[in-house]
Amino acid sequence: DTYTLSADARLADNQNRQRDGRQKVTHRVRSGDTLWDISRQYNVGV
């Protein structure tokens, strides 16, 4: 938690930032996944 602007800390902050009207789901990438495929799965924009 000390390294507040490291890449990992900035990523965690952005991933966990609340978005109104939305619920967070964590997707674990598997072989063959693309951002386009994942966006279609969850009905969100790429």
ModelCIF file with pLDDT and N, C-alpha, C, O atoms, coordinates in Angstrom:
data_MODEL
#
_entry.id   MODEL 
#
_entity.id                         1 
_entity.type                       polymer 
_entity.pdbx_number_of_molecules   1 
#
_entity_poly.entity_id                      1 
_entity_poly.type                           'polypeptide(L)' 
_entity_poly.nstd_linkage                   no 
_entity_poly.nstd_monomer                   no 
_entity_poly.pdbx_seq_one_letter_code       DTYTLSADARLADNQNRQRDGRQKVTHRVRSGDTLWDISRQYNVGV 
_entity_poly.pdbx_seq_one_letter_code_can   DTYTLSADARLADNQNRQRDGRQKVTHRVRSGDTLWDISRQYNVGV 
_entity_poly.pdbx_strand_id                 A 
#
loop_
_entity_poly_seq.entity_id 
_entity_poly_seq.num 
_entity_poly_seq.mon_id 
_entity_poly_seq.hetero 
1 1  ASP n 
1 2  THR n 
1 3  TYR n 
1 4  THR n 
1 5  LEU n 
1 6  SER n 
1 7  ALA n 
1 8  ASP n 
1 9  ALA n 
1 10 ARG n 
1 11 LEU n 
1 12 ALA n 
1 13 ASP n 
1 14 ASN n 
1 15 GLN n 
1 16 ASN n 
1 17 ARG n 
1 18 GLN n 
1 19 ARG n 
1 20 ASP n 
1 21 GLY n 
1 22 ARG n 
1 23 GLN n 
1 24 LYS n 
1 25 VAL n 
1 26 THR n 
1 27 HIS n 
1 28 ARG n 
1 29 VAL n 
1 30 ARG n 
1 31 SER n 
1 32 GLY n 
1 33 ASP n 
1 34 THR n 
1 35 LEU n 
1 36 TRP n 
1 37 ASP n 
1 38 ILE n 
1 39 SER n 
1 40 ARG n 
1 41 GLN n 
1 42 TYR n 
1 43 ASN n 
1 44 VAL n 
1 45 GLY n 
1 46 VAL n 
#
_struct_asym.id          A 
_struct_asym.entity_id   1 
#
loop_
_ma_qa_metric.id 
_ma_qa_metric.mode 
_ma_qa_metric.name 
_ma_qa_metric.software_group_id 
_ma_qa_metric.type 
1 global pLDDT . pLDDT 
2 local  pLDDT . pLDDT 
#
_ma_qa_metric_global.metric_id      1 
_ma_qa_metric_global.metric_value   84.63 
_ma_qa_metric_global.model_id       1 
_ma_qa_metric_global.ordinal_id     1 
#
loop_
_ma_qa_metric_local.label_asym_id 
_ma_qa_metric_local.label_comp_id 
_ma_qa_metric_local.label_seq_id 
_ma_qa_metric_local.metric_id 
_ma_qa_metric_local.metric_value 
_ma_qa_metric_local.model_id 
_ma_qa_metric_local.ordinal_id 
A ASP 1  2 78.00 1 1  
A THR 2  2 83.00 1 2  
A TYR 3  2 83.00 1 3  
A THR 4  2 81.00 1 4  
A LEU 5  2 81.00 1 5  
A SER 6  2 80.00 1 6  
A ALA 7  2 80.00 1 7  
A ASP 8  2 81.00 1 8  
A ALA 9  2 82.00 1 9  
A ARG 10 2 85.00 1 10 
A LEU 11 2 86.00 1 11 
A ALA 12 2 86.00 1 12 
A ASP 13 2 85.00 1 13 
A ASN 14 2 86.00 1 14 
A GLN 15 2 87.00 1 15 
A ASN 16 2 87.00 1 16 
A ARG 17 2 86.00 1 17 
A GLN 18 2 84.00 1 18 
A ARG 19 2 82.00 1 19 
A ASP 20 2 80.00 1 20 
A GLY 21 2 78.00 1 21 
A ARG 22 2 85.00 1 22 
A GLN 23 2 85.00 1 23 
A LYS 24 2 88.00 1 24 
A VAL 25 2 88.00 1 25 
A THR 26 2 88.00 1 26 
A HIS 27 2 90.00 1 27 
A ARG 28 2 87.00 1 28 
A VAL 29 2 87.00 1 29 
A ARG 30 2 83.00 1 30 
A SER 31 2 78.00 1 31 
A GLY 32 2 80.00 1 32 
A ASP 33 2 84.00 1 33 
A THR 34 2 87.00 1 34 
A LEU 35 2 89.00 1 35 
A TRP 36 2 86.00 1 36 
A ASP 37 2 85.00 1 37 
A ILE 38 2 90.00 1 38 
A SER 39 2 87.00 1 39 
A ARG 40 2 85.00 1 40 
A GLN 41 2 85.00 1 41 
A TYR 42 2 86.00 1 42 
A ASN 43 2 86.00 1 43 
A VAL 44 2 87.00 1 44 
A GLY 45 2 88.00 1 45 
A VAL 46 2 88.00 1 46 
#
loop_
_atom_site.group_PDB 
_atom_site.id 
_atom_site.type_symbol 
_atom_site.label_atom_id 
_atom_site.label_alt_id 
_atom_site.label_comp_id 
_atom_site.label_asym_id 
_atom_site.label_entity_id 
_atom_site.label_seq_id 
_atom_site.pdbx_PDB_ins_code 
_atom_site.Cartn_x 
_atom_site.Cartn_y 
_atom_site.Cartn_z 
_atom_site.occupancy 
_atom_site.B_iso_or_equiv 
_atom_site.pdbx_formal_charge 
_atom_site.auth_seq_id 
_atom_site.auth_comp_id 
_atom_site.auth_asym_id 
_atom_site.auth_atom_id 
_atom_site.pdbx_PDB_model_num 
ATOM 1   N N  . ASP A 1 1  ? 0.817   -1.215  0.000   1.00 78.00 ? 1  ASP A N  1 
ATOM 2   C CA . ASP A 1 1  ? 0.000   0.000   0.000   1.00 78.00 ? 1  ASP A CA 1 
ATOM 3   C C  . ASP A 1 1  ? 0.851   1.265   0.000   1.00 78.00 ? 1  ASP A C  1 
ATOM 4   O O  . ASP A 1 1  ? 0.345   2.355   -0.269  1.00 78.00 ? 1  ASP A O  1 
ATOM 5   N N  . THR A 1 2  ? 2.129   1.125   0.298   1.00 83.00 ? 2  THR A N  1 
ATOM 6   C CA . THR A 1 2  ? 3.027   2.294   0.315   1.00 83.00 ? 2  THR A CA 1 
ATOM 7   C C  . THR A 1 2  ? 3.247   2.832   -1.089  1.00 83.00 ? 2  THR A C  1 
ATOM 8   O O  . THR A 1 2  ? 3.354   4.043   -1.283  1.00 83.00 ? 2  THR A O  1 
ATOM 9   N N  . TYR A 1 3  ? 3.315   1.932   -2.077  1.00 83.00 ? 3  TYR A N  1 
ATOM 10  C CA . TYR A 1 3  ? 3.706   2.310   -3.440  1.00 83.00 ? 3  TYR A CA 1 
ATOM 11  C C  . TYR A 1 3  ? 2.448   2.692   -4.227  1.00 83.00 ? 3  TYR A C  1 
ATOM 12  O O  . TYR A 1 3  ? 2.015   1.969   -5.124  1.00 83.00 ? 3  TYR A O  1 
ATOM 13  N N  . THR A 1 4  ? 1.885   3.825   -3.874  1.00 81.00 ? 4  THR A N  1 
ATOM 14  C CA . THR A 1 4  ? 0.541   4.194   -4.317  1.00 81.00 ? 4  THR A CA 1 
ATOM 15  C C  . THR A 1 4  ? 0.426   4.493   -5.807  1.00 81.00 ? 4  THR A C  1 
ATOM 16  O O  . THR A 1 4  ? -0.676  4.463   -6.353  1.00 81.00 ? 4  THR A O  1 
ATOM 17  N N  . LEU A 1 5  ? 1.540   4.780   -6.474  1.00 81.00 ? 5  LEU A N  1 
ATOM 18  C CA . LEU A 1 5  ? 1.475   5.084   -7.904  1.00 81.00 ? 5  LEU A CA 1 
ATOM 19  C C  . LEU A 1 5  ? 2.263   4.076   -8.737  1.00 81.00 ? 5  LEU A C  1 
ATOM 20  O O  . LEU A 1 5  ? 2.630   4.361   -9.876  1.00 81.00 ? 5  LEU A O  1 
ATOM 21  N N  . SER A 1 6  ? 2.522   2.901   -8.168  1.00 80.00 ? 6  SER A N  1 
ATOM 22  C CA . SER A 1 6  ? 3.097   1.833   -8.985  1.00 80.00 ? 6  SER A CA 1 
ATOM 23  C C  . SER A 1 6  ? 2.050   1.374   -9.984  1.00 80.00 ? 6  SER A C  1 
ATOM 24  O O  . SER A 1 6  ? 0.870   1.698   -9.849  1.00 80.00 ? 6  SER A O  1 
ATOM 25  N N  . ALA A 1 7  ? 2.476   0.627   -10.975 1.00 80.00 ? 7  ALA A N  1 
ATOM 26  C CA . ALA A 1 7  ? 1.531   0.151   -11.994 1.00 80.00 ? 7  ALA A CA 1 
ATOM 27  C C  . ALA A 1 7  ? 0.437   -0.707  -11.359 1.00 80.00 ? 7  ALA A C  1 
ATOM 28  O O  . ALA A 1 7  ? -0.735  -0.582  -11.715 1.00 80.00 ? 7  ALA A O  1 
ATOM 29  N N  . ASP A 1 8  ? 0.816   -1.577  -10.417 1.00 81.00 ? 8  ASP A N  1 
ATOM 30  C CA . ASP A 1 8  ? -0.180  -2.437  -9.765  1.00 81.00 ? 8  ASP A CA 1 
ATOM 31  C C  . ASP A 1 8  ? -1.180  -1.616  -8.959  1.00 81.00 ? 8  ASP A C  1 
ATOM 32  O O  . ASP A 1 8  ? -2.379  -1.895  -8.975  1.00 81.00 ? 8  ASP A O  1 
ATOM 33  N N  . ALA A 1 9  ? -0.674  -0.589  -8.246  1.00 82.00 ? 9  ALA A N  1 
ATOM 34  C CA . ALA A 1 9  ? -1.567  0.232   -7.423  1.00 82.00 ? 9  ALA A CA 1 
ATOM 35  C C  . ALA A 1 9  ? -2.514  1.048   -8.286  1.00 82.00 ? 9  ALA A C  1 
ATOM 36  O O  . ALA A 1 9  ? -3.693  1.182   -7.958  1.00 82.00 ? 9  ALA A O  1 
ATOM 37  N N  . ARG A 1 10 ? -2.015  1.589   -9.379  1.00 85.00 ? 10 ARG A N  1 
ATOM 38  C CA . ARG A 1 10 ? -2.878  2.377   -10.268 1.00 85.00 ? 10 ARG A CA 1 
ATOM 39  C C  . ARG A 1 10 ? -3.914  1.488   -10.931 1.00 85.00 ? 10 ARG A C  1 
ATOM 40  O O  . ARG A 1 10 ? -5.061  1.893   -11.118 1.00 85.00 ? 10 ARG A O  1 
ATOM 41  N N  . LEU A 1 11 ? -3.507  0.264   -11.291 1.00 86.00 ? 11 LEU A N  1 
ATOM 42  C CA . LEU A 1 11 ? -4.459  -0.675  -11.888 1.00 86.00 ? 11 LEU A CA 1 
ATOM 43  C C  . LEU A 1 11 ? -5.546  -1.042  -10.888 1.00 86.00 ? 11 LEU A C  1 
ATOM 44  O O  . LEU A 1 11 ? -6.730  -1.021  -11.225 1.00 86.00 ? 11 LEU A O  1 
ATOM 45  N N  . ALA A 1 12 ? -5.156  -1.380  -9.659  1.00 86.00 ? 12 ALA A N  1 
ATOM 46  C CA . ALA A 1 12 ? -6.149  -1.767  -8.647  1.00 86.00 ? 12 ALA A CA 1 
ATOM 47  C C  . ALA A 1 12 ? -7.110  -0.619  -8.369  1.00 86.00 ? 12 ALA A C  1 
ATOM 48  O O  . ALA A 1 12 ? -8.313  -0.834  -8.220  1.00 86.00 ? 12 ALA A O  1 
ATOM 49  N N  . ASP A 1 13 ? -6.580  0.600   -8.300  1.00 85.00 ? 13 ASP A N  1 
ATOM 50  C CA . ASP A 1 13 ? -7.433  1.754   -8.042  1.00 85.00 ? 13 ASP A CA 1 
ATOM 51  C C  . ASP A 1 13 ? -8.462  1.935   -9.156  1.00 85.00 ? 13 ASP A C  1 
ATOM 52  O O  . ASP A 1 13 ? -9.631  2.219   -8.896  1.00 85.00 ? 13 ASP A O  1 
ATOM 53  N N  . ASN A 1 14 ? -8.016  1.770   -10.381 1.00 86.00 ? 14 ASN A N  1 
ATOM 54  C CA . ASN A 1 14 ? -8.926  1.947   -11.513 1.00 86.00 ? 14 ASN A CA 1 
ATOM 55  C C  . ASN A 1 14 ? -9.929  0.805   -11.602 1.00 86.00 ? 14 ASN A C  1 
ATOM 56  O O  . ASN A 1 14 ? -11.113 1.043   -11.841 1.00 86.00 ? 14 ASN A O  1 
ATOM 57  N N  . GLN A 1 15 ? -9.476  -0.428  -11.413 1.00 87.00 ? 15 GLN A N  1 
ATOM 58  C CA . GLN A 1 15 ? -10.377 -1.573  -11.511 1.00 87.00 ? 15 GLN A CA 1 
ATOM 59  C C  . GLN A 1 15 ? -11.455 -1.551  -10.432 1.00 87.00 ? 15 GLN A C  1 
ATOM 60  O O  . GLN A 1 15 ? -12.567 -2.029  -10.657 1.00 87.00 ? 15 GLN A O  1 
ATOM 61  N N  . ASN A 1 16 ? -11.135 -1.002  -9.268  1.00 87.00 ? 16 ASN A N  1 
ATOM 62  C CA . ASN A 1 16 ? -12.078 -1.022  -8.144  1.00 87.00 ? 16 ASN A CA 1 
ATOM 63  C C  . ASN A 1 16 ? -12.881 0.263   -8.006  1.00 87.00 ? 16 ASN A C  1 
ATOM 64  O O  . ASN A 1 16 ? -13.726 0.372   -7.118  1.00 87.00 ? 16 ASN A O  1 
ATOM 65  N N  . ARG A 1 17 ? -12.627 1.234   -8.875  1.00 86.00 ? 17 ARG A N  1 
ATOM 66  C CA . ARG A 1 17 ? -13.371 2.492   -8.795  1.00 86.00 ? 17 ARG A CA 1 
ATOM 67  C C  . ARG A 1 17 ? -14.834 2.242   -9.153  1.00 86.00 ? 17 ARG A C  1 
ATOM 68  O O  . ARG A 1 17 ? -15.133 1.693   -10.214 1.00 86.00 ? 17 ARG A O  1 
ATOM 69  N N  . GLN A 1 18 ? -15.728 2.640   -8.278  1.00 84.00 ? 18 GLN A N  1 
ATOM 70  C CA . GLN A 1 18 ? -17.152 2.355   -8.461  1.00 84.00 ? 18 GLN A CA 1 
ATOM 71  C C  . GLN A 1 18 ? -17.704 3.045   -9.704  1.00 84.00 ? 18 GLN A C  1 
ATOM 72  O O  . GLN A 1 18 ? -17.446 4.227   -9.932  1.00 84.00 ? 18 GLN A O  1 
ATOM 73  N N  . ARG A 1 19 ? -18.463 2.304   -10.506 1.00 82.00 ? 19 ARG A N  1 
ATOM 74  C CA . ARG A 1 19 ? -19.166 2.850   -11.669 1.00 82.00 ? 19 ARG A CA 1 
ATOM 75  C C  . ARG A 1 19 ? -20.659 2.775   -11.399 1.00 82.00 ? 19 ARG A C  1 
ATOM 76  O O  . ARG A 1 19 ? -21.193 1.696   -11.139 1.00 82.00 ? 19 ARG A O  1 
ATOM 77  N N  . ASP A 1 20 ? -21.326 3.904   -11.458 1.00 80.00 ? 20 ASP A N  1 
ATOM 78  C CA . ASP A 1 20 ? -22.751 3.958   -11.127 1.00 80.00 ? 20 ASP A CA 1 
ATOM 79  C C  . ASP A 1 20 ? -23.563 3.009   -11.998 1.00 80.00 ? 20 ASP A C  1 
ATOM 80  O O  . ASP A 1 20 ? -23.393 2.959   -13.216 1.00 80.00 ? 20 ASP A O  1 
ATOM 81  N N  . GLY A 1 21 ? -24.452 2.255   -11.346 1.00 78.00 ? 21 GLY A N  1 
ATOM 82  C CA . GLY A 1 21 ? -25.360 1.375   -12.074 1.00 78.00 ? 21 GLY A CA 1 
ATOM 83  C C  . GLY A 1 21 ? -24.709 0.110   -12.583 1.00 78.00 ? 21 GLY A C  1 
ATOM 84  O O  . GLY A 1 21 ? -25.311 -0.618  -13.373 1.00 78.00 ? 21 GLY A O  1 
ATOM 85  N N  . ARG A 1 22 ? -23.484 -0.172  -12.146 1.00 85.00 ? 22 ARG A N  1 
ATOM 86  C CA . ARG A 1 22 ? -22.786 -1.359  -12.632 1.00 85.00 ? 22 ARG A CA 1 
ATOM 87  C C  . ARG A 1 22 ? -22.249 -2.175  -11.454 1.00 85.00 ? 22 ARG A C  1 
ATOM 88  O O  . ARG A 1 22 ? -22.005 -1.652  -10.367 1.00 85.00 ? 22 ARG A O  1 
ATOM 89  N N  . GLN A 1 23 ? -22.076 -3.461  -11.707 1.00 85.00 ? 23 GLN A N  1 
ATOM 90  C CA . GLN A 1 23 ? -21.496 -4.361  -10.723 1.00 85.00 ? 23 GLN A CA 1 
ATOM 91  C C  . GLN A 1 23 ? -20.197 -4.915  -11.282 1.00 85.00 ? 23 GLN A C  1 
ATOM 92  O O  . GLN A 1 23 ? -20.107 -5.233  -12.467 1.00 85.00 ? 23 GLN A O  1 
ATOM 93  N N  . LYS A 1 24 ? -19.193 -5.028  -10.423 1.00 88.00 ? 24 LYS A N  1 
ATOM 94  C CA . LYS A 1 24 ? -17.899 -5.535  -10.870 1.00 88.00 ? 24 LYS A CA 1 
ATOM 95  C C  . LYS A 1 24 ? -17.874 -7.057  -10.885 1.00 88.00 ? 24 LYS A C  1 
ATOM 96  O O  . LYS A 1 24 ? -18.300 -7.717  -9.937  1.00 88.00 ? 24 LYS A O  1 
ATOM 97  N N  . VAL A 1 25 ? -17.367 -7.587  -11.977 1.00 88.00 ? 25 VAL A N  1 
ATOM 98  C CA . VAL A 1 25 ? -17.101 -9.015  -12.105 1.00 88.00 ? 25 VAL A CA 1 
ATOM 99  C C  . VAL A 1 25 ? -15.648 -9.153  -12.523 1.00 88.00 ? 25 VAL A C  1 
ATOM 100 O O  . VAL A 1 25 ? -15.175 -8.387  -13.362 1.00 88.00 ? 25 VAL A O  1 
ATOM 101 N N  . THR A 1 26 ? -14.936 -10.110 -11.957 1.00 88.00 ? 26 THR A N  1 
ATOM 102 C CA . THR A 1 26 ? -13.549 -10.360 -12.344 1.00 88.00 ? 26 THR A CA 1 
ATOM 103 C C  . THR A 1 26 ? -13.507 -11.513 -13.329 1.00 88.00 ? 26 THR A C  1 
ATOM 104 O O  . THR A 1 26 ? -13.987 -12.612 -13.049 1.00 88.00 ? 26 THR A O  1 
ATOM 105 N N  . HIS A 1 27 ? -12.930 -11.245 -14.474 1.00 90.00 ? 27 HIS A N  1 
ATOM 106 C CA . HIS A 1 27 ? -12.798 -12.280 -15.507 1.00 90.00 ? 27 HIS A CA 1 
ATOM 107 C C  . HIS A 1 27 ? -11.345 -12.727 -15.563 1.00 90.00 ? 27 HIS A C  1 
ATOM 108 O O  . HIS A 1 27 ? -10.443 -11.905 -15.725 1.00 90.00 ? 27 HIS A O  1 
ATOM 109 N N  . ARG A 1 28 ? -11.120 -14.020 -15.430 1.00 87.00 ? 28 ARG A N  1 
ATOM 110 C CA . ARG A 1 28 ? -9.778  -14.583 -15.533 1.00 87.00 ? 28 ARG A CA 1 
ATOM 111 C C  . ARG A 1 28 ? -9.545  -15.012 -16.983 1.00 87.00 ? 28 ARG A C  1 
ATOM 112 O O  . ARG A 1 28 ? -10.274 -15.851 -17.512 1.00 87.00 ? 28 ARG A O  1 
ATOM 113 N N  . VAL A 1 29 ? -8.548  -14.446 -17.607 1.00 87.00 ? 29 VAL A N  1 
ATOM 114 C CA . VAL A 1 29 ? -8.295  -14.692 -19.032 1.00 87.00 ? 29 VAL A CA 1 
ATOM 115 C C  . VAL A 1 29 ? -7.862  -16.132 -19.260 1.00 87.00 ? 29 VAL A C  1 
ATOM 116 O O  . VAL A 1 29 ? -7.006  -16.659 -18.550 1.00 87.00 ? 29 VAL A O  1 
ATOM 117 N N  . ARG A 1 30 ? -8.470  -16.758 -20.265 1.00 83.00 ? 30 ARG A N  1 
ATOM 118 C CA . ARG A 1 30 ? -8.107  -18.122 -20.637 1.00 83.00 ? 30 ARG A CA 1 
ATOM 119 C C  . ARG A 1 30 ? -7.596  -18.127 -22.078 1.00 83.00 ? 30 ARG A C  1 
ATOM 120 O O  . ARG A 1 30 ? -7.698  -17.130 -22.793 1.00 83.00 ? 30 ARG A O  1 
ATOM 121 N N  . SER A 1 31 ? -7.058  -19.242 -22.478 1.00 78.00 ? 31 SER A N  1 
ATOM 122 C CA . SER A 1 31 ? -6.475  -19.368 -23.811 1.00 78.00 ? 31 SER A CA 1 
ATOM 123 C C  . SER A 1 31 ? -7.510  -19.005 -24.879 1.00 78.00 ? 31 SER A C  1 
ATOM 124 O O  . SER A 1 31 ? -8.646  -19.477 -24.831 1.00 78.00 ? 31 SER A O  1 
ATOM 125 N N  . GLY A 1 32 ? -7.123  -18.178 -25.830 1.00 80.00 ? 32 GLY A N  1 
ATOM 126 C CA . GLY A 1 32 ? -8.003  -17.794 -26.929 1.00 80.00 ? 32 GLY A CA 1 
ATOM 127 C C  . GLY A 1 32 ? -8.820  -16.551 -26.674 1.00 80.00 ? 32 GLY A C  1 
ATOM 128 O O  . GLY A 1 32 ? -9.444  -16.031 -27.599 1.00 80.00 ? 32 GLY A O  1 
ATOM 129 N N  . ASP A 1 33 ? -8.839  -16.050 -25.434 1.00 84.00 ? 33 ASP A N  1 
ATOM 130 C CA . ASP A 1 33 ? -9.621  -14.851 -25.111 1.00 84.00 ? 33 ASP A CA 1 
ATOM 131 C C  . ASP A 1 33 ? -9.057  -13.625 -25.831 1.00 84.00 ? 33 ASP A C  1 
ATOM 132 O O  . ASP A 1 33 ? -7.846  -13.499 -26.007 1.00 84.00 ? 33 ASP A O  1 
ATOM 133 N N  . THR A 1 34 ? -9.944  -12.733 -26.241 1.00 87.00 ? 34 THR A N  1 
ATOM 134 C CA . THR A 1 34 ? -9.572  -11.404 -26.721 1.00 87.00 ? 34 THR A CA 1 
ATOM 135 C C  . THR A 1 34 ? -10.469 -10.393 -26.007 1.00 87.00 ? 34 THR A C  1 
ATOM 136 O O  . THR A 1 34 ? -11.521 -10.754 -25.479 1.00 87.00 ? 34 THR A O  1 
ATOM 137 N N  . LEU A 1 35 ? -10.055 -9.144  -25.995 1.00 89.00 ? 35 LEU A N  1 
ATOM 138 C CA . LEU A 1 35 ? -10.897 -8.111  -25.383 1.00 89.00 ? 35 LEU A CA 1 
ATOM 139 C C  . LEU A 1 35 ? -12.252 -8.049  -26.075 1.00 89.00 ? 35 LEU A C  1 
ATOM 140 O O  . LEU A 1 35 ? -13.278 -7.836  -25.430 1.00 89.00 ? 35 LEU A O  1 
ATOM 141 N N  . TRP A 1 36 ? -12.248 -8.235  -27.376 1.00 86.00 ? 36 TRP A N  1 
ATOM 142 C CA . TRP A 1 36 ? -13.516 -8.177  -28.125 1.00 86.00 ? 36 TRP A CA 1 
ATOM 143 C C  . TRP A 1 36 ? -14.444 -9.309  -27.672 1.00 86.00 ? 36 TRP A C  1 
ATOM 144 O O  . TRP A 1 36 ? -15.631 -9.083  -27.436 1.00 86.00 ? 36 TRP A O  1 
ATOM 145 N N  . ASP A 1 37 ? -13.898 -10.538 -27.551 1.00 85.00 ? 37 ASP A N  1 
ATOM 146 C CA . ASP A 1 37 ? -14.719 -11.673 -27.114 1.00 85.00 ? 37 ASP A CA 1 
ATOM 147 C C  . ASP A 1 37 ? -15.276 -11.442 -25.712 1.00 85.00 ? 37 ASP A C  1 
ATOM 148 O O  . ASP A 1 37 ? -16.451 -11.693 -25.448 1.00 85.00 ? 37 ASP A O  1 
ATOM 149 N N  . ILE A 1 38 ? -14.419 -10.963 -24.826 1.00 90.00 ? 38 ILE A N  1 
ATOM 150 C CA . ILE A 1 38 ? -14.845 -10.754 -23.434 1.00 90.00 ? 38 ILE A CA 1 
ATOM 151 C C  . ILE A 1 38 ? -15.905 -9.661  -23.364 1.00 90.00 ? 38 ILE A C  1 
ATOM 152 O O  . ILE A 1 38 ? -16.874 -9.777  -22.614 1.00 90.00 ? 38 ILE A O  1 
ATOM 153 N N  . SER A 1 39 ? -15.719 -8.600  -24.144 1.00 87.00 ? 39 SER A N  1 
ATOM 154 C CA . SER A 1 39 ? -16.712 -7.523  -24.135 1.00 87.00 ? 39 SER A CA 1 
ATOM 155 C C  . SER A 1 39 ? -18.064 -8.025  -24.616 1.00 87.00 ? 39 SER A C  1 
ATOM 156 O O  . SER A 1 39 ? -19.101 -7.583  -24.123 1.00 87.00 ? 39 SER A O  1 
ATOM 157 N N  . ARG A 1 40 ? -18.062 -8.952  -25.582 1.00 85.00 ? 40 ARG A N  1 
ATOM 158 C CA . ARG A 1 40 ? -19.318 -9.526  -26.064 1.00 85.00 ? 40 ARG A CA 1 
ATOM 159 C C  . ARG A 1 40 ? -19.955 -10.399 -24.980 1.00 85.00 ? 40 ARG A C  1 
ATOM 160 O O  . ARG A 1 40 ? -21.177 -10.398 -24.830 1.00 85.00 ? 40 ARG A O  1 
ATOM 161 N N  . GLN A 1 41 ? -19.153 -11.134 -24.231 1.00 85.00 ? 41 GLN A N  1 
ATOM 162 C CA . GLN A 1 41 ? -19.689 -11.992 -23.167 1.00 85.00 ? 41 GLN A CA 1 
ATOM 163 C C  . GLN A 1 41 ? -20.483 -11.183 -22.147 1.00 85.00 ? 41 GLN A C  1 
ATOM 164 O O  . GLN A 1 41 ? -21.545 -11.602 -21.687 1.00 85.00 ? 41 GLN A O  1 
ATOM 165 N N  . TYR A 1 42 ? -19.945 -10.017 -21.806 1.00 86.00 ? 42 TYR A N  1 
ATOM 166 C CA . TYR A 1 42 ? -20.547 -9.231  -20.732 1.00 86.00 ? 42 TYR A CA 1 
ATOM 167 C C  . TYR A 1 42 ? -21.390 -8.058  -21.246 1.00 86.00 ? 42 TYR A C  1 
ATOM 168 O O  . TYR A 1 42 ? -21.920 -7.267  -20.467 1.00 86.00 ? 42 TYR A O  1 
ATOM 169 N N  . ASN A 1 43 ? -21.500 -7.967  -22.572 1.00 86.00 ? 43 ASN A N  1 
ATOM 170 C CA . ASN A 1 43 ? -22.303 -6.902  -23.179 1.00 86.00 ? 43 ASN A CA 1 
ATOM 171 C C  . ASN A 1 43 ? -21.810 -5.509  -22.760 1.00 86.00 ? 43 ASN A C  1 
ATOM 172 O O  . ASN A 1 43 ? -22.592 -4.653  -22.347 1.00 86.00 ? 43 ASN A O  1 
ATOM 173 N N  . VAL A 1 44 ? -20.491 -5.309  -22.877 1.00 87.00 ? 44 VAL A N  1 
ATOM 174 C CA . VAL A 1 44 ? -19.892 -3.996  -22.617 1.00 87.00 ? 44 VAL A CA 1 
ATOM 175 C C  . VAL A 1 44 ? -19.057 -3.622  -23.834 1.00 87.00 ? 44 VAL A C  1 
ATOM 176 O O  . VAL A 1 44 ? -18.799 -4.460  -24.698 1.00 87.00 ? 44 VAL A O  1 
ATOM 177 N N  . GLY A 1 45 ? -18.640 -2.373  -23.900 1.00 88.00 ? 45 GLY A N  1 
ATOM 178 C CA . GLY A 1 45 ? -17.825 -1.923  -25.024 1.00 88.00 ? 45 GLY A CA 1 
ATOM 179 C C  . GLY A 1 45 ? -16.369 -2.328  -24.874 1.00 88.00 ? 45 GLY A C  1 
ATOM 180 O O  . GLY A 1 45 ? -15.858 -2.443  -23.760 1.00 88.00 ? 45 GLY A O  1 
ATOM 181 N N  . VAL A 1 46 ? -15.704 -2.543  -26.002 1.00 88.00 ? 46 VAL A N  1 
ATOM 182 C CA . VAL A 1 46 ? -14.289 -2.913  -25.974 1.00 88.00 ? 46 VAL A CA 1 
ATOM 183 C C  . VAL A 1 46 ? -13.455 -1.788  -25.358 1.00 88.00 ? 46 VAL A C  1 
ATOM 184 O O  . VAL A 1 46 ? -12.235 -1.914  -25.247 1.00 88.00 ? 46 VAL A O  1 
#
